[in-house]
Amino acid sequence: MVDAESIARYVFCKLRSVTHNLITIFMTGEAQLVCIIISIYVHSCLNCSLLKPTAMRHLIAFLLFVFPIVAYSQTLPSIEDKTKGLKKYEGYMNFYWDENAGKIWLEIDKLDSEILYVTSLPAALGSNDVGLDRGLLGETHIIKFSRTGRKILMIQPNYDYRAITSDKNEKKAVEQSFAQSALWGFVVEAESNGHALVDATDFLLRDAMKAGSRIRQMKQGNYSFDKSRSAIYLPMSKNFPQNTELEATITLVSNDGDAGNYVRPVVPSTDAITLRMHHSFVQLPDNNFQTRLFDPRSSFINISYFDYSTPVAEPIDKYLIIRHRLQKKDPTAAMSEPVKPIIYYLDNGTPEPIRSALMEGAQWWNQAFEAAGYINAFQVKLLPEDADPMDVRYNVINWVHRSTRGWSYGASVVDPRTGEIIKGQVSLGSLRVR
């Protein structure tokens, strides 16, 4: 027969296990405090007198009183209460700056809606051979925020495999056949009216451009991210109606004190490499863009994907050209102005007389558009003083300095669904003219 002491000890062990789980599950400070109080009280009551009925009655009464408080403490604060006293940046995705803690709080209101996420490098290494240039574009992702409980995952759907069909089940079969990627996980700390507030600081304070990996691949040193020497870069963290721009100062530290010949000449100290990394959340374009099939005889750059809804007798792999959106105001006219011109902005750090020469030379592209029936379709302007060249609203021609002579190249932010160029970017090496 089981005695009362054994039962009491069994109950104690179970209560201790429950309270430990509560502490690890409940993320709010109030719930953690209450759970700790429970644990201490259970321990003291049962240790003082395992067999005294009075102590057990007191314990049960205490638990009945305190567990509703624990349950209530799970209720998250409102976004307004959580961000009281913080500076609010309103725009595509509202964010808040906590000066004392050095934190960025991001308000997520677009759950399960696809948006564009792009990384870039506004302040770089300066070595042509390593290739971490000023203005370098990182990967372009279509992402969506998916919430389960207090967890929000930033999911990248797999657009390499599709079913271009109206049949929902056929689309689902393809989606479930290939992996998605959870790029990040956030914890909801406050909520209001379907909007969730998350701490985005760790998301921003990381080597998002994989600079350390590239340096290692080039055998230029073993560098890794150091959070203690990294911080949010507020001057270039901005908000606009259709895009949110966030930036961070990122430091990579040497793990072995060794640096290669490409790194050593371009850093003040080989102990640490400090760069800046930029994050853009962008509203995707509407569905009015007309895709154009790629012809291998042309000089266009293409994107590709597999379409599993393709008839069996046709190729499953599809190719689309990447291009800017351009439409005539008057489609019936031989010559017409565009609905929206293509505008490229020249880096305002380009010196004269090169600046004027580049402005004139870039405008020569308009001749090709005139031959295609457009008036002033391609324009070149100087980047405004208050503009950020990493802002995806601007097509830019960057004037890039390196320690050695290097190449010039073009890149772009492209909608992976259609091939539409959202942001064009040209990088011109300054030493080519010297």
Protein backbone atom coordinates (compact mmCIF):
# COMPACT_ATOMS: atom_id res chain seq x y z
CA MET A 1 0.00 0.00 0.00
CA VAL A 2 1.31 3.45 -0.92
CA ASP A 3 1.80 5.70 2.11
CA ALA A 4 0.91 9.40 2.37
CA GLU A 5 4.54 10.51 2.31
CA SER A 6 5.14 8.79 -1.05
CA ILE A 7 2.05 10.42 -2.52
CA ALA A 8 3.14 13.82 -1.26
CA ARG A 9 6.61 13.43 -2.72
CA TYR A 10 5.12 12.32 -6.05
CA VAL A 11 2.85 15.38 -6.11
CA PHE A 12 5.82 17.59 -5.25
CA CYS A 13 7.89 16.22 -8.14
CA LYS A 14 5.03 16.72 -10.58
CA LEU A 15 4.40 20.27 -9.41
CA ARG A 16 8.07 21.08 -9.67
CA SER A 17 8.10 19.74 -13.26
CA VAL A 18 4.98 21.76 -14.16
CA THR A 19 6.36 24.98 -12.74
CA HIS A 20 9.65 24.47 -14.60
CA ASN A 21 7.74 24.04 -17.86
CA LEU A 22 5.68 27.14 -17.18
CA ILE A 23 8.85 29.18 -16.70
CA THR A 24 10.27 28.00 -20.03
CA ILE A 25 7.01 28.38 -21.98
CA PHE A 26 5.72 31.72 -20.70
CA MET A 27 7.89 34.45 -22.10
CA THR A 28 6.36 37.36 -20.24
CA GLY A 29 8.22 38.53 -17.16
CA GLU A 30 5.08 38.41 -14.99
CA ALA A 31 4.46 34.73 -15.73
CA GLN A 32 8.08 33.84 -15.05
CA LEU A 33 7.98 35.63 -11.69
CA VAL A 34 4.74 33.90 -10.64
CA CYS A 35 6.09 30.49 -11.63
CA ILE A 36 9.24 31.03 -9.60
CA ILE A 37 7.12 32.01 -6.56
CA ILE A 38 5.06 28.83 -6.99
CA SER A 39 8.16 26.68 -7.17
CA ILE A 40 9.66 28.21 -4.02
CA TYR A 41 6.38 27.95 -2.09
CA VAL A 42 5.78 24.31 -3.12
CA HIS A 43 9.30 23.40 -2.10
CA SER A 44 9.06 25.08 1.32
CA CYS A 45 5.61 23.70 2.16
CA LEU A 46 6.35 20.14 1.25
CA ASN A 47 9.80 20.11 2.79
CA CYS A 48 8.60 21.62 6.08
CA SER A 49 5.87 19.06 6.67
CA LEU A 50 5.02 16.45 4.08
CA LEU A 51 2.40 14.79 6.26
CA LYS A 52 0.62 17.74 7.86
CA PRO A 53 -2.87 18.16 6.34
CA THR A 54 -2.85 21.87 7.20
CA ALA A 55 0.21 22.51 5.07
CA MET A 56 -1.27 20.59 2.15
CA ARG A 57 -4.54 22.55 2.40
CA HIS A 58 -2.62 25.82 2.38
CA LEU A 59 -0.64 24.69 -0.62
CA ILE A 60 -3.73 23.69 -2.60
CA ALA A 61 -5.46 26.98 -1.75
CA PHE A 62 -2.39 28.90 -2.82
CA LEU A 63 -2.20 27.08 -6.17
CA LEU A 64 -5.88 27.62 -6.88
CA PHE A 65 -5.34 31.33 -6.29
CA VAL A 66 -2.13 31.75 -8.23
CA PHE A 67 -2.68 29.67 -11.40
CA PRO A 68 -5.41 32.01 -12.75
CA ILE A 69 -2.85 34.81 -12.34
CA VAL A 70 -0.36 32.80 -14.41
CA ALA A 71 -2.95 32.23 -17.11
CA TYR A 72 -3.88 35.91 -17.15
CA SER A 73 -0.22 36.91 -17.32
CA GLN A 74 0.04 35.20 -20.71
CA THR A 75 -2.03 38.00 -22.23
CA LEU A 76 0.31 40.10 -24.33
CA PRO A 77 0.46 43.87 -23.91
CA SER A 78 -0.83 46.13 -26.65
CA ILE A 79 1.60 47.54 -29.17
CA GLU A 80 0.79 51.00 -27.88
CA ASP A 81 1.77 50.06 -24.32
CA LYS A 82 4.87 48.13 -25.36
CA THR A 83 6.21 50.98 -27.52
CA LYS A 84 5.32 53.85 -25.19
CA GLY A 85 8.19 56.32 -25.22
CA LEU A 86 9.81 54.81 -28.33
CA LYS A 87 10.28 56.66 -31.62
CA LYS A 88 7.86 55.41 -34.25
CA TYR A 89 8.72 55.23 -37.96
CA GLU A 90 5.48 54.89 -39.92
CA GLY A 91 5.46 53.37 -43.38
CA TYR A 92 5.12 50.08 -45.23
CA MET A 93 5.99 48.14 -42.08
CA ASN A 94 5.98 50.35 -38.98
CA PHE A 95 9.06 50.05 -36.81
CA TYR A 96 10.08 51.53 -33.46
CA TRP A 97 13.48 52.60 -32.16
CA ASP A 98 14.42 51.92 -28.54
CA GLU A 99 17.34 54.30 -27.89
CA ASN A 100 18.18 52.92 -24.46
CA ALA A 101 18.31 49.27 -25.50
CA GLY A 102 19.55 49.83 -29.05
CA LYS A 103 16.66 47.76 -30.38
CA ILE A 104 14.42 47.84 -33.45
CA TRP A 105 10.86 46.64 -32.90
CA LEU A 106 9.05 45.66 -36.11
CA GLU A 107 5.27 45.73 -36.49
CA ILE A 108 4.05 42.88 -38.69
CA ASP A 109 0.61 43.45 -40.17
CA LYS A 110 0.94 41.50 -43.43
CA LEU A 111 0.58 37.93 -42.25
CA ASP A 112 0.48 35.33 -45.05
CA SER A 113 0.91 38.05 -47.70
CA GLU A 114 3.88 37.84 -50.06
CA ILE A 115 6.39 40.69 -50.01
CA LEU A 116 9.89 41.20 -51.35
CA TYR A 117 12.93 41.03 -49.07
CA VAL A 118 16.36 42.17 -50.32
CA THR A 119 19.77 42.54 -48.67
CA SER A 120 22.63 44.78 -49.83
CA LEU A 121 25.99 46.23 -48.82
CA PRO A 122 26.08 50.06 -48.62
CA ALA A 123 29.51 50.31 -46.94
CA ALA A 124 31.99 47.75 -48.17
CA LEU A 125 35.48 46.24 -47.98
CA GLY A 126 37.20 47.94 -50.93
CA SER A 127 38.98 44.91 -52.37
CA ASN A 128 38.24 44.16 -56.01
CA ASP A 129 39.44 40.56 -55.67
CA VAL A 130 37.24 39.72 -52.68
CA GLY A 131 34.28 41.41 -54.37
CA LEU A 132 32.48 42.94 -51.37
CA ASP A 133 31.85 46.22 -53.23
CA ARG A 134 29.91 49.27 -52.13
CA GLY A 135 26.34 48.85 -53.35
CA LEU A 136 26.61 45.09 -53.79
CA LEU A 137 23.17 43.47 -53.97
CA GLY A 138 22.51 40.32 -51.98
CA GLU A 139 19.84 37.73 -52.58
CA THR A 140 16.26 38.63 -53.51
CA HIS A 141 13.56 36.68 -51.68
CA ILE A 142 9.80 36.59 -51.87
CA ILE A 143 8.73 35.98 -48.28
CA LYS A 144 5.61 35.81 -46.16
CA PHE A 145 5.12 35.96 -42.40
CA SER A 146 3.31 32.94 -40.96
CA ARG A 147 2.12 32.93 -37.35
CA THR A 148 1.57 29.99 -35.00
CA GLY A 149 0.84 31.03 -31.42
CA ARG A 150 3.50 33.54 -30.44
CA LYS A 151 5.91 32.38 -33.12
CA ILE A 152 6.13 34.13 -36.50
CA LEU A 153 8.20 32.44 -39.19
CA MET A 154 9.55 34.35 -42.18
CA ILE A 155 8.93 31.80 -44.94
CA GLN A 156 10.32 31.84 -48.48
CA PRO A 157 8.08 29.90 -50.88
CA ASN A 158 9.79 27.86 -53.58
CA TYR A 159 9.21 29.65 -56.87
CA ASP A 160 11.62 27.38 -58.74
CA TYR A 161 8.78 24.84 -58.97
CA ARG A 162 5.28 25.98 -59.88
CA ALA A 163 1.94 25.02 -61.36
CA ILE A 164 0.59 27.87 -63.49
CA THR A 165 -3.03 26.82 -63.28
CA SER A 166 -6.32 27.78 -61.65
CA ASP A 167 -6.59 24.31 -60.10
CA LYS A 168 -5.90 24.79 -56.37
CA ASN A 169 -5.23 21.11 -55.73
CA GLU A 170 -2.73 20.95 -58.57
CA LYS A 171 -0.91 23.97 -57.13
CA LYS A 172 -0.94 22.45 -53.66
CA ALA A 173 0.56 19.20 -54.95
CA VAL A 174 3.56 21.10 -56.35
CA GLU A 175 3.94 23.32 -53.27
CA GLN A 176 4.00 20.29 -50.98
CA SER A 177 6.46 18.39 -53.17
CA PHE A 178 9.33 20.85 -52.73
CA ALA A 179 10.83 22.42 -49.62
CA GLN A 180 10.27 25.98 -48.50
CA SER A 181 12.81 27.91 -46.41
CA ALA A 182 12.14 29.46 -42.99
CA LEU A 183 14.63 32.35 -43.13
CA TRP A 184 13.98 33.60 -39.60
CA GLY A 185 11.78 33.07 -36.55
CA PHE A 186 10.37 35.92 -34.43
CA VAL A 187 8.54 35.89 -31.08
CA VAL A 188 5.47 38.11 -30.68
CA GLU A 189 5.92 40.46 -27.72
CA ALA A 190 2.81 42.62 -28.18
CA GLU A 191 -0.25 42.76 -30.40
CA SER A 192 -3.09 45.08 -31.36
CA ASN A 193 -5.91 44.66 -33.89
CA GLY A 194 -4.26 41.77 -35.70
CA HIS A 195 -0.85 43.48 -35.80
CA ALA A 196 2.09 41.75 -34.07
CA LEU A 197 5.18 43.40 -32.60
CA VAL A 198 8.49 41.52 -32.70
CA ASP A 199 12.06 42.32 -31.70
CA ALA A 200 13.92 42.48 -35.04
CA THR A 201 17.32 43.42 -33.56
CA ASP A 202 18.97 40.00 -33.85
CA PHE A 203 17.53 39.62 -37.35
CA LEU A 204 19.34 42.82 -38.38
CA LEU A 205 22.52 42.29 -36.34
CA ARG A 206 23.98 39.38 -38.30
CA ASP A 207 26.19 38.74 -41.29
CA ALA A 208 23.25 38.82 -43.71
CA MET A 209 25.53 39.29 -46.74
CA LYS A 210 27.71 36.29 -45.74
CA ALA A 211 30.81 38.48 -45.92
CA GLY A 212 32.73 36.28 -43.51
CA SER A 213 32.04 33.25 -45.66
CA ARG A 214 33.24 35.01 -48.81
CA ILE A 215 36.47 36.13 -47.11
CA ARG A 216 37.13 32.54 -46.00
CA GLN A 217 36.38 31.18 -49.47
CA MET A 218 38.96 33.59 -50.89
CA LYS A 219 41.44 32.32 -48.26
CA GLN A 220 41.79 35.83 -46.85
CA GLY A 221 41.24 35.04 -43.20
CA ASN A 222 38.91 33.37 -40.73
CA TYR A 223 36.44 36.10 -39.73
CA SER A 224 33.19 35.71 -37.80
CA PHE A 225 30.39 38.03 -36.68
CA ASP A 226 30.82 39.88 -33.37
CA LYS A 227 27.55 41.17 -31.94
CA SER A 228 29.28 43.25 -29.27
CA ARG A 229 30.84 45.44 -31.99
CA SER A 230 27.69 45.70 -34.13
CA ALA A 231 24.72 48.07 -33.88
CA ILE A 232 21.67 49.42 -35.70
CA TYR A 233 22.64 52.18 -38.15
CA LEU A 234 19.74 54.57 -37.65
CA PRO A 235 20.63 57.29 -40.23
CA MET A 236 19.82 54.88 -43.06
CA SER A 237 16.88 53.13 -41.38
CA LYS A 238 13.84 54.73 -42.99
CA ASN A 239 10.22 54.06 -43.87
CA PHE A 240 8.17 54.80 -46.97
CA PRO A 241 4.62 53.91 -48.11
CA GLN A 242 5.75 50.95 -50.26
CA ASN A 243 9.06 49.93 -48.69
CA THR A 244 10.82 49.71 -45.34
CA GLU A 245 14.61 50.19 -45.23
CA LEU A 246 16.69 49.03 -42.25
CA GLU A 247 20.45 49.10 -41.82
CA ALA A 248 23.07 47.85 -39.38
CA THR A 249 26.78 48.29 -38.73
CA ILE A 250 28.27 44.80 -38.75
CA THR A 251 31.72 43.83 -37.44
CA LEU A 252 33.61 40.66 -38.32
CA VAL A 253 36.56 39.73 -36.10
CA SER A 254 39.59 37.62 -36.90
CA ASN A 255 39.63 34.28 -35.10
CA ASP A 256 43.30 33.56 -35.66
CA GLY A 257 44.95 36.93 -36.35
CA ASP A 258 45.75 35.96 -39.93
CA ALA A 259 44.65 38.06 -42.94
CA GLY A 260 45.35 37.62 -46.63
CA ASN A 261 46.99 40.02 -49.07
CA TYR A 262 43.62 41.19 -50.43
CA VAL A 263 42.31 42.17 -46.99
CA ARG A 264 45.42 43.55 -45.30
CA PRO A 265 45.80 46.70 -47.49
CA VAL A 266 42.15 47.83 -47.22
CA VAL A 267 41.41 47.64 -43.47
CA PRO A 268 42.78 49.86 -40.68
CA SER A 269 43.28 46.77 -38.52
CA THR A 270 43.18 43.14 -39.57
CA ASP A 271 41.68 42.31 -36.17
CA ALA A 272 38.26 43.60 -37.26
CA ILE A 273 36.37 44.37 -40.48
CA THR A 274 33.40 46.70 -40.03
CA LEU A 275 30.84 46.97 -42.84
CA ARG A 276 27.21 48.04 -43.16
CA MET A 277 24.41 45.76 -44.26
CA HIS A 278 21.01 46.86 -45.50
CA HIS A 279 17.62 45.13 -45.39
CA SER A 280 14.66 46.10 -47.59
CA PHE A 281 11.04 44.98 -47.24
CA VAL A 282 9.21 45.96 -50.42
CA GLN A 283 5.66 45.79 -51.69
CA LEU A 284 5.48 43.49 -54.69
CA PRO A 285 4.31 44.97 -58.03
CA ASP A 286 0.76 44.49 -59.25
CA ASN A 287 -0.21 41.70 -61.65
CA ASN A 288 -0.36 43.89 -64.78
CA PHE A 289 3.20 43.18 -65.90
CA GLN A 290 3.39 41.30 -69.20
CA THR A 291 5.99 38.55 -69.07
CA ARG A 292 8.08 37.85 -72.15
CA LEU A 293 9.52 34.48 -73.14
CA PHE A 294 13.28 34.22 -73.43
CA ASP A 295 14.82 33.42 -76.80
CA PRO A 296 18.36 32.01 -76.55
CA ARG A 297 19.28 33.89 -79.75
CA SER A 298 18.75 37.21 -77.93
CA SER A 299 21.13 38.98 -75.56
CA PHE A 300 18.63 39.14 -72.70
CA ILE A 301 19.26 37.74 -69.23
CA ASN A 302 16.66 35.21 -68.12
CA ILE A 303 15.06 33.62 -65.09
CA SER A 304 13.80 30.05 -65.18
CA TYR A 305 11.44 27.70 -63.36
CA PHE A 306 9.66 24.37 -63.80
CA ASP A 307 5.92 24.47 -64.55
CA TYR A 308 4.33 21.15 -63.61
CA SER A 309 1.00 22.12 -65.17
CA THR A 310 2.62 22.08 -68.61
CA PRO A 311 1.07 19.61 -71.11
CA VAL A 312 3.05 16.38 -71.27
CA ALA A 313 4.20 16.97 -74.85
CA GLU A 314 5.76 20.37 -74.02
CA PRO A 315 9.00 21.28 -72.15
CA ILE A 316 8.45 21.67 -68.42
CA ASP A 317 11.27 24.20 -67.95
CA LYS A 318 10.25 27.82 -68.67
CA TYR A 319 12.44 30.86 -69.34
CA LEU A 320 11.45 34.53 -69.02
CA ILE A 321 13.57 37.58 -69.80
CA ILE A 322 14.22 40.17 -67.11
CA ARG A 323 13.23 43.71 -68.10
CA HIS A 324 11.81 46.98 -66.85
CA ARG A 325 8.09 47.62 -67.08
CA LEU A 326 7.40 50.04 -69.93
CA GLN A 327 4.01 50.93 -71.42
CA LYS A 328 2.88 53.61 -73.85
CA LYS A 329 0.38 56.21 -72.70
CA ASP A 330 -1.17 55.89 -76.17
CA PRO A 331 -0.70 52.31 -77.41
CA THR A 332 -2.08 53.25 -80.84
CA ALA A 333 0.44 56.05 -81.49
CA ALA A 334 3.65 55.46 -83.43
CA MET A 335 5.48 57.68 -80.92
CA SER A 336 4.20 58.03 -77.35
CA GLU A 337 5.43 58.99 -73.92
CA PRO A 338 5.54 56.13 -71.40
CA VAL A 339 3.09 55.70 -68.57
CA LYS A 340 6.13 55.69 -66.31
CA PRO A 341 9.65 56.36 -67.62
CA ILE A 342 12.70 54.31 -66.65
CA ILE A 343 14.89 56.64 -64.56
CA TYR A 344 18.45 55.87 -63.52
CA TYR A 345 20.12 58.01 -60.85
CA LEU A 346 23.84 58.72 -61.03
CA ASP A 347 25.82 58.48 -57.80
CA ASN A 348 26.16 62.05 -56.47
CA GLY A 349 29.65 61.12 -55.25
CA THR A 350 30.90 60.95 -58.84
CA PRO A 351 33.42 63.78 -59.46
CA GLU A 352 33.55 66.14 -62.42
CA PRO A 353 34.27 65.94 -65.31
CA ILE A 354 33.33 62.24 -65.08
CA ARG A 355 29.90 63.10 -63.70
CA SER A 356 28.87 65.11 -66.77
CA ALA A 357 30.33 62.51 -69.13
CA LEU A 358 28.41 59.70 -67.45
CA MET A 359 25.17 61.70 -67.49
CA GLU A 360 25.52 62.30 -71.21
CA GLY A 361 26.66 58.79 -72.06
CA ALA A 362 23.87 57.08 -70.10
CA GLN A 363 21.26 59.22 -71.86
CA TRP A 364 22.34 57.75 -75.19
CA TRP A 365 20.30 54.69 -74.25
CA ASN A 366 17.19 56.73 -74.94
CA GLN A 367 17.96 56.48 -78.68
CA ALA A 368 17.10 52.77 -78.58
CA PHE A 369 13.76 53.52 -76.93
CA GLU A 370 12.99 56.23 -79.48
CA ALA A 371 13.54 53.65 -82.21
CA ALA A 372 10.99 51.46 -80.42
CA GLY A 373 8.39 54.27 -80.50
CA TYR A 374 8.88 55.93 -77.09
CA ILE A 375 9.44 59.57 -76.20
CA ASN A 376 11.72 60.24 -73.19
CA ALA A 377 11.28 56.70 -71.94
CA PHE A 378 14.83 56.43 -70.56
CA GLN A 379 16.07 59.25 -68.33
CA VAL A 380 19.17 59.90 -66.24
CA LYS A 381 19.22 62.18 -63.19
CA LEU A 382 21.59 62.94 -60.34
CA LEU A 383 20.76 61.09 -57.14
CA PRO A 384 19.12 63.55 -54.69
CA GLU A 385 21.12 64.46 -51.59
CA ASP A 386 18.53 62.99 -49.23
CA ALA A 387 18.15 59.74 -51.20
CA ASP A 388 19.61 56.39 -50.17
CA PRO A 389 21.16 54.47 -53.09
CA MET A 390 20.09 51.24 -51.36
CA ASP A 391 16.44 52.37 -51.48
CA VAL A 392 14.80 49.97 -53.95
CA ARG A 393 12.79 52.79 -55.50
CA TYR A 394 15.93 54.07 -57.21
CA ASN A 395 17.71 52.57 -60.21
CA VAL A 396 21.30 53.67 -59.62
CA ILE A 397 24.66 54.03 -61.33
CA ASN A 398 27.17 53.65 -58.49
CA TRP A 399 30.69 55.12 -58.59
CA VAL A 400 32.68 52.45 -56.74
CA HIS A 401 36.21 52.88 -55.36
CA ARG A 402 38.54 49.93 -54.82
CA SER A 403 42.21 49.59 -53.85
CA THR A 404 43.06 48.03 -57.22
CA ARG A 405 41.69 48.30 -60.75
CA GLY A 406 38.56 46.22 -61.23
CA TRP A 407 35.59 45.59 -63.42
CA SER A 408 32.26 47.33 -63.88
CA TYR A 409 29.05 45.34 -63.90
CA GLY A 410 25.28 45.49 -63.75
CA ALA A 411 22.88 43.81 -61.34
CA SER A 412 19.21 44.08 -60.48
CA VAL A 413 16.47 43.30 -58.00
CA VAL A 414 14.04 41.14 -59.96
CA ASP A 415 10.54 39.90 -59.17
CA PRO A 416 11.15 36.11 -59.21
CA ARG A 417 7.58 35.49 -60.32
CA THR A 418 7.72 37.47 -63.57
CA GLY A 419 11.20 38.74 -64.37
CA GLU A 420 10.24 42.38 -63.84
CA ILE A 421 13.21 44.55 -62.83
CA ILE A 422 12.26 46.44 -59.69
CA LYS A 423 15.66 48.04 -59.16
CA GLY A 424 18.49 48.24 -61.66
CA GLN A 425 22.01 48.82 -60.41
CA VAL A 426 25.22 49.57 -62.31
CA SER A 427 28.59 49.55 -60.53
CA LEU A 428 31.38 51.51 -62.23
CA GLY A 429 34.94 51.03 -60.95
CA SER A 430 36.58 54.44 -60.51
CA LEU A 431 40.12 53.20 -61.27
CA ARG A 432 39.21 52.28 -64.84
CA VAL A 433 39.72 55.91 -65.87
CA ARG A 434 43.09 56.29 -64.12
